[in-house]
Amino acid sequence: MDGLSFKKYMQTTQKRFDPLALILSLAGIGAVLYSMAQHNKNSSFFDFHSFMIVLGGTLASLTFQFDLRSMLSSVVLVSKSFLGTPEKPIMGIVKELDDAILNQAQLAELREGLAIDGELLNDIVFMHHQGLLFEEIDEFVTSRVADQYLGRKIAVEVLRKGVLIAPAFGLFGTVMGLIGVLKTLSDPSNIGNSMSLALMTTAYGAGLSSLVFTPLAGRLEHHNMIYLDVHQQILSKIGILLKREERTLEASGIG
């Protein structure tokens, strides 16, 4: 470990939340909406009935496919994604492990580990006190991560379904609007409402899919990769500490 650059070693655990990228992304979406509003400033760009056909239909379809708890969890995860990437709550643990490795500390010195309390590092130290091997600790942590990761995967699936459903309801509204147009051909003064329904539902469906569901799904997928990666880093660092303790015990003739 001598000569190892602390700064270089810590590069693998730096925070990955980029506020500038988020600002630029939101600014781009804002520019699209502003340009559309300016182009249509002499006409009504908002059609409540068309909007509700697409939004209401999409939400109804998603709720039918996924339970309410999954839907609410997806909303929570999306909201949290704007505050930072998922390694933020456990970056303190990663730094502690880095310091322990570099300073030749032992795992048992990091926490009391008197009982399982839900805090990841404390639980790992508790299992270490109980004599569990690294392979058993690895399996425990992997199982916990898998349980939480399942909820994150479901959230992405909800958004991916929204990408497909929103344009479908837009097309549904378009067909209904065109049917209305055909029925009012004899009275051109009534064509406007039906044509508005036909066009606006398509616009709303495409907009929800392209500007809302697709970028949010991609963002959560990226965060899921980070979530798995940071927990894998924790396990790797735990493995380094435990193997070093084993070598110490063997060298002292205790093992």
Protein backbone atom coordinates (compact mmCIF):
# COMPACT_ATOMS: atom_id res chain seq x y z
CA MET A 1 0.00 0.00 0.00
CA ASP A 2 3.08 2.23 0.27
CA GLY A 3 3.32 4.87 -2.42
CA LEU A 4 -0.34 4.56 -3.32
CA SER A 5 -1.80 7.94 -4.18
CA PHE A 6 -4.74 8.57 -1.86
CA LYS A 7 -6.35 10.95 -4.38
CA LYS A 8 -6.01 8.48 -7.21
CA TYR A 9 -7.35 5.65 -5.04
CA MET A 10 -10.45 7.68 -4.10
CA GLN A 11 -11.32 8.47 -7.72
CA THR A 12 -13.43 5.32 -8.00
CA THR A 13 -15.72 6.52 -5.23
CA GLN A 14 -16.23 10.17 -6.16
CA LYS A 15 -19.79 11.50 -6.27
CA ARG A 16 -21.34 11.11 -9.69
CA PHE A 17 -24.15 13.65 -9.44
CA ASP A 18 -23.61 16.31 -12.08
CA PRO A 19 -25.86 19.33 -11.43
CA LEU A 20 -24.70 21.01 -14.62
CA ALA A 21 -25.88 18.09 -16.76
CA LEU A 22 -29.27 18.16 -15.04
CA ILE A 23 -29.59 21.92 -15.57
CA LEU A 24 -28.66 21.61 -19.24
CA SER A 25 -31.16 18.78 -19.70
CA LEU A 26 -34.02 20.72 -18.11
CA ALA A 27 -33.01 23.81 -20.09
CA GLY A 28 -33.19 21.78 -23.32
CA ILE A 29 -36.69 20.53 -22.49
CA GLY A 30 -37.69 24.07 -21.56
CA ALA A 31 -36.39 25.35 -24.89
CA VAL A 32 -38.49 22.79 -26.74
CA LEU A 33 -41.65 23.75 -24.83
CA TYR A 34 -40.95 27.47 -25.24
CA SER A 35 -40.39 27.13 -28.98
CA MET A 36 -43.62 25.19 -29.34
CA ALA A 37 -45.52 27.81 -27.33
CA GLN A 38 -44.07 30.65 -29.40
CA HIS A 39 -44.95 28.89 -32.63
CA ASN A 40 -48.52 28.44 -31.45
CA LYS A 41 -48.89 31.73 -29.56
CA ASN A 42 -51.78 32.83 -31.75
CA SER A 43 -53.75 29.67 -31.07
CA SER A 44 -54.68 27.58 -28.06
CA PHE A 45 -51.91 25.05 -27.44
CA PHE A 46 -53.64 23.44 -24.51
CA ASP A 47 -56.65 21.19 -25.01
CA PHE A 48 -57.89 19.83 -21.69
CA HIS A 49 -59.93 16.97 -23.18
CA SER A 50 -57.04 15.81 -25.36
CA PHE A 51 -54.63 16.03 -22.46
CA MET A 52 -56.87 14.00 -20.16
CA ILE A 53 -57.39 11.29 -22.78
CA VAL A 54 -53.63 10.74 -22.98
CA LEU A 55 -52.65 11.34 -19.35
CA GLY A 56 -55.69 9.68 -17.78
CA GLY A 57 -55.51 6.71 -20.12
CA THR A 58 -51.79 6.26 -19.55
CA LEU A 59 -52.10 6.39 -15.75
CA ALA A 60 -55.09 4.05 -15.80
CA SER A 61 -53.20 1.52 -17.91
CA LEU A 62 -50.07 1.72 -15.73
CA THR A 63 -52.10 1.35 -12.53
CA PHE A 64 -53.82 -1.69 -14.00
CA GLN A 65 -50.44 -3.31 -14.77
CA PHE A 66 -48.62 -2.30 -11.57
CA ASP A 67 -49.84 -2.10 -7.98
CA LEU A 68 -50.30 1.28 -6.36
CA ARG A 69 -47.29 0.80 -4.07
CA SER A 70 -45.02 0.24 -7.05
CA MET A 71 -46.41 3.36 -8.72
CA LEU A 72 -45.80 5.48 -5.63
CA SER A 73 -42.32 4.02 -5.16
CA SER A 74 -41.54 4.92 -8.77
CA VAL A 75 -42.60 8.51 -8.13
CA VAL A 76 -40.36 8.63 -5.04
CA LEU A 77 -37.36 7.24 -6.92
CA VAL A 78 -37.86 9.70 -9.77
CA SER A 79 -38.05 12.57 -7.29
CA LYS A 80 -34.89 11.42 -5.52
CA SER A 81 -33.06 11.11 -8.84
CA PHE A 82 -33.14 14.91 -9.15
CA LEU A 83 -31.37 15.29 -5.81
CA GLY A 84 -28.38 13.09 -6.61
CA THR A 85 -27.22 9.66 -7.61
CA PRO A 86 -28.00 6.65 -5.37
CA GLU A 87 -24.52 6.25 -3.88
CA LYS A 88 -24.93 9.55 -2.01
CA PRO A 89 -26.41 8.00 1.20
CA ILE A 90 -23.59 5.46 1.52
CA MET A 91 -20.60 7.47 0.33
CA GLY A 92 -19.66 7.89 3.99
CA ILE A 93 -19.31 4.11 4.31
CA VAL A 94 -17.17 3.92 1.20
CA LYS A 95 -14.87 6.63 2.52
CA GLU A 96 -14.60 4.91 5.90
CA LEU A 97 -13.57 1.69 4.20
CA ASP A 98 -11.04 3.53 2.04
CA ASP A 99 -9.54 5.15 5.13
CA ALA A 100 -9.46 1.81 6.95
CA ILE A 101 -7.61 0.15 4.07
CA LEU A 102 -5.07 2.94 3.72
CA ASN A 103 -4.52 3.32 7.48
CA GLN A 104 -4.18 -0.42 8.17
CA ALA A 105 -7.30 -0.40 10.39
CA GLN A 106 -9.46 -3.45 11.11
CA LEU A 107 -13.09 -3.92 10.18
CA ALA A 108 -14.18 -4.40 13.81
CA GLU A 109 -12.87 -0.91 14.66
CA LEU A 110 -15.35 0.84 12.36
CA ARG A 111 -18.57 0.00 14.24
CA GLU A 112 -19.63 -1.60 17.51
CA GLY A 113 -21.73 -4.15 15.65
CA LEU A 114 -23.77 -5.17 18.69
CA ALA A 115 -26.87 -6.11 16.71
CA ILE A 116 -28.45 -5.90 13.26
CA ASP A 117 -29.90 -2.39 12.99
CA GLY A 118 -30.23 -1.87 9.23
CA GLU A 119 -27.11 0.26 8.81
CA LEU A 120 -25.05 -1.62 6.25
CA LEU A 121 -21.57 -1.34 7.76
CA ASN A 122 -22.84 -1.99 11.29
CA ASP A 123 -24.58 -5.15 10.11
CA ILE A 124 -21.43 -6.32 8.34
CA VAL A 125 -19.34 -5.76 11.48
CA PHE A 126 -21.95 -7.64 13.55
CA MET A 127 -21.77 -10.63 11.20
CA HIS A 128 -17.98 -10.45 11.37
CA HIS A 129 -18.20 -10.59 15.18
CA GLN A 130 -20.43 -13.66 14.83
CA GLY A 131 -17.68 -15.43 12.91
CA LEU A 132 -19.26 -15.37 9.46
CA LEU A 133 -16.92 -15.84 6.54
CA PHE A 134 -16.60 -13.25 3.78
CA GLU A 135 -18.57 -15.48 1.42
CA GLU A 136 -21.49 -15.50 3.87
CA ILE A 137 -21.33 -11.73 4.38
CA ASP A 138 -21.17 -11.29 0.63
CA GLU A 139 -24.31 -13.39 0.19
CA PHE A 140 -26.16 -11.42 2.88
CA VAL A 141 -25.30 -8.02 1.39
CA THR A 142 -26.02 -9.22 -2.14
CA SER A 143 -29.44 -10.48 -1.05
CA ARG A 144 -30.26 -7.13 0.58
CA VAL A 145 -29.12 -5.20 -2.48
CA ALA A 146 -31.16 -7.49 -4.75
CA ASP A 147 -34.32 -6.79 -2.74
CA GLN A 148 -33.87 -3.03 -3.05
CA TYR A 149 -32.74 -3.27 -6.67
CA LEU A 150 -35.96 -5.07 -7.58
CA GLY A 151 -37.94 -1.95 -6.66
CA ARG A 152 -35.62 0.16 -8.78
CA LYS A 153 -36.07 -2.19 -11.76
CA ILE A 154 -39.85 -2.01 -11.39
CA ALA A 155 -39.68 1.80 -11.45
CA VAL A 156 -37.77 1.68 -14.74
CA GLU A 157 -40.30 -0.80 -16.12
CA VAL A 158 -43.17 1.54 -15.17
CA LEU A 159 -41.52 4.36 -17.12
CA ARG A 160 -40.70 2.11 -20.07
CA LYS A 161 -44.34 1.05 -20.25
CA GLY A 162 -45.31 4.73 -20.20
CA VAL A 163 -43.09 5.29 -23.22
CA LEU A 164 -45.26 2.83 -25.17
CA ILE A 165 -48.68 3.58 -23.69
CA ALA A 166 -48.75 7.38 -24.01
CA PRO A 167 -48.36 7.42 -27.84
CA ALA A 168 -50.91 4.60 -28.08
CA PHE A 169 -53.54 6.72 -26.32
CA GLY A 170 -52.48 9.62 -28.51
CA LEU A 171 -53.25 7.49 -31.55
CA PHE A 172 -56.54 6.44 -29.97
CA GLY A 173 -57.52 10.09 -29.58
CA THR A 174 -56.45 10.78 -33.17
CA VAL A 175 -58.70 8.03 -34.51
CA MET A 176 -61.62 9.27 -32.42
CA GLY A 177 -61.02 12.81 -33.63
CA LEU A 178 -60.92 11.74 -37.28
CA ILE A 179 -64.16 9.84 -36.82
CA GLY A 180 -65.66 13.06 -35.47
CA VAL A 181 -64.34 14.94 -38.52
CA LEU A 182 -66.01 12.49 -40.88
CA LYS A 183 -69.29 12.86 -39.02
CA THR A 184 -69.24 16.64 -39.31
CA LEU A 185 -68.24 16.98 -42.94
CA SER A 186 -71.70 18.25 -43.74
CA ASP A 187 -71.22 21.07 -41.20
CA PRO A 188 -67.68 22.49 -41.56
CA SER A 189 -68.19 24.81 -38.57
CA ASN A 190 -68.03 21.80 -36.23
CA ILE A 191 -64.91 20.24 -37.72
CA GLY A 192 -62.53 22.29 -35.56
CA ASN A 193 -63.15 20.50 -32.26
CA SER A 194 -62.75 17.05 -33.76
CA MET A 195 -59.62 18.01 -35.67
CA SER A 196 -58.16 19.54 -32.51
CA LEU A 197 -58.77 16.30 -30.65
CA ALA A 198 -57.14 14.31 -33.45
CA LEU A 199 -53.98 16.42 -33.56
CA MET A 200 -53.55 17.38 -29.92
CA THR A 201 -53.81 13.84 -28.56
CA THR A 202 -51.02 12.78 -30.92
CA ALA A 203 -48.91 15.71 -29.75
CA TYR A 204 -49.50 14.99 -26.07
CA GLY A 205 -48.82 11.29 -26.47
CA ALA A 206 -45.55 11.92 -28.30
CA GLY A 207 -44.60 14.65 -25.83
CA LEU A 208 -45.15 12.51 -22.74
CA SER A 209 -43.22 9.66 -24.28
CA SER A 210 -40.29 11.71 -25.60
CA LEU A 211 -39.96 14.46 -23.00
CA VAL A 212 -41.05 12.72 -19.79
CA PHE A 213 -41.03 8.93 -19.73
CA THR A 214 -37.99 8.26 -21.95
CA PRO A 215 -35.51 10.60 -20.22
CA LEU A 216 -36.69 9.58 -16.74
CA ALA A 217 -36.39 5.88 -17.57
CA GLY A 218 -32.89 6.42 -18.92
CA ARG A 219 -31.93 8.41 -15.83
CA LEU A 220 -33.12 5.69 -13.46
CA GLU A 221 -31.36 2.99 -15.48
CA HIS A 222 -28.13 4.94 -15.16
CA HIS A 223 -28.70 5.33 -11.42
CA ASN A 224 -29.36 1.60 -11.09
CA MET A 225 -25.96 0.86 -12.61
CA ILE A 226 -24.34 3.21 -10.10
CA TYR A 227 -26.33 1.60 -7.27
CA LEU A 228 -24.99 -1.86 -8.10
CA ASP A 229 -21.48 -0.58 -8.71
CA VAL A 230 -21.12 1.23 -5.39
CA HIS A 231 -22.33 -1.79 -3.41
CA GLN A 232 -19.88 -3.97 -5.33
CA GLN A 233 -17.15 -1.55 -4.31
CA ILE A 234 -18.19 -1.90 -0.67
CA LEU A 235 -18.01 -5.69 -0.86
CA SER A 236 -14.61 -5.52 -2.55
CA LYS A 237 -13.25 -3.26 0.19
CA ILE A 238 -14.72 -5.48 2.91
CA GLY A 239 -12.99 -8.40 1.25
CA ILE A 240 -9.65 -6.55 1.34
CA LEU A 241 -10.00 -5.84 5.06
CA LEU A 242 -11.04 -9.39 5.98
CA LYS A 243 -8.31 -11.04 3.90
CA ARG A 244 -5.73 -8.77 5.45
CA GLU A 245 -6.95 -9.75 8.93
CA GLU A 246 -6.70 -13.43 7.95
CA ARG A 247 -3.12 -12.94 6.78
CA THR A 248 -2.29 -11.16 10.05
CA LEU A 249 -3.72 -14.02 12.10
CA GLU A 250 -1.87 -16.60 10.03
CA ALA A 251 1.38 -14.69 10.40
CA SER A 252 0.94 -14.55 14.18
CA GLY A 253 0.21 -18.27 14.31
CA ILE A 254 -3.36 -17.86 15.58
CA GLY A 255 -5.22 -18.98 12.48
